[in-house]
Amino acid sequence: MKLFQAYCLLLFLSIIATSIAIPNYAKPGCIDICGKVRIPYPFGIGTKCSVNKWYVIDCNYSMPYLSAVNNLQVLGINLDDQTVTVNGPMVSNCQNTVQNSSQTMSIDLGSSPFLFSKLHNKLVVEGCGNGVISEHGSALTGCSTACINDTVSDKNNCLGFSCCHTAIPHYLKSYSVNLRGLERHSGDGGCGSAFLVDQVSYVKGSFSPQSVPLSLVWILSDHDLPQINCCTLWSSFQVDMRNDTSVVSLKCHTEWEIEGNPYLPSGCKGIY
C-alpha cells in the first residue's frame, strides 16, 4: 500500500512539474540566455538559432551583440513591442567647451531589418548646447537648453533648464546628431551632450556616461515566413518613414497574455 501511495505521489509531482515547465524562448537545441539578457527567437545565439543572419547574436564574455549590425551590444529584447534595446552613441563637447564649437556623430543601420523607433526614442540635450538630429543631411528636429548647470538632477523634468528633449518625426534607418556649445550664464563655455535615447531607460537613468540605450524596432517580411511558425496568429503593423514612405512588418499576435514565445510553435504557455 505504501509503495502504491509513493507511486501516486511521484506521478502527481511529475504532472505538476510538466504543467509548470519553463516556457520556450529559443529554438529547440539553442540557448536563450546570454549573461543577464534573454535571447528569444527570431533572435538566436549562433547562425542556426536565428531566423536569418541579421538576428544572429554573438555571446561574448556574457555580453550579447548583434554581430551583423555594427556589433551593437544588446541590452534587452521585447517580443510584445517587437523591439531590441541596444547601446548607442552620444556626442559631447565636454572636452572642448569653447563657445559655439560643434561636434557631430552618426549611426547607420544599413540594409538590416532594424529601424530606430519613433515611438520609444527621443532626442535629448543635456548641459549647455543646441542639438539637432538630421537624416541624409536634412534637419529633422532639435532643441536648445538654458545653460544653468552641466548636469541634470531630475530627468523627469527635462524642460529646457540644462536639459531639453523632443520627439523624432518618423522611424529612422540612420541619423546624425550635431551639438553646438552655448555660453553659460557665467560667461564661459558650457559642457553639453546630445543623443537619441530610449525614453523609459532615460528616466530610469540606467546607462553609462559614454553610451545610451536605444530602441530598434525589428521588421519581419514575407521572406521570413517559412522560418517562423507562430503558436498564435499572424498580424502586421506599419511604420512610417521619410518622404511619406512606410514599411510593413509581420508579427506573431495574440489577444491573450502568454508566458513563452509566440514565434515558436510550442512557445505558448498561456494565461488564457
Foldseek 3Di string as FASTA:
>chain_A
DVVVVVVVVVVVVVVVCVLPDAFAFWDPPFDQAQQHEGQGPCAGADQVTHLHLQRHWDRDPSWTFRVVFVRWTWDYADQVQQKTKTWAFKDKCQVPLAAFDKDKDKGARPPAQKWFALVFKKKKKAAFWKKFKDDPPHTFDIDGAQHDGRGDDALVPQPRHRMHIDGGDFIGRMMMMMITWHAHPVGTGMIMMMDMAGPVCVRVVPDDPGIHMTMMRGAADPVSVVVFDFLADKDKDWTADPPRDIDIGIHRDDPFDARAHRRHNRGGSGPD
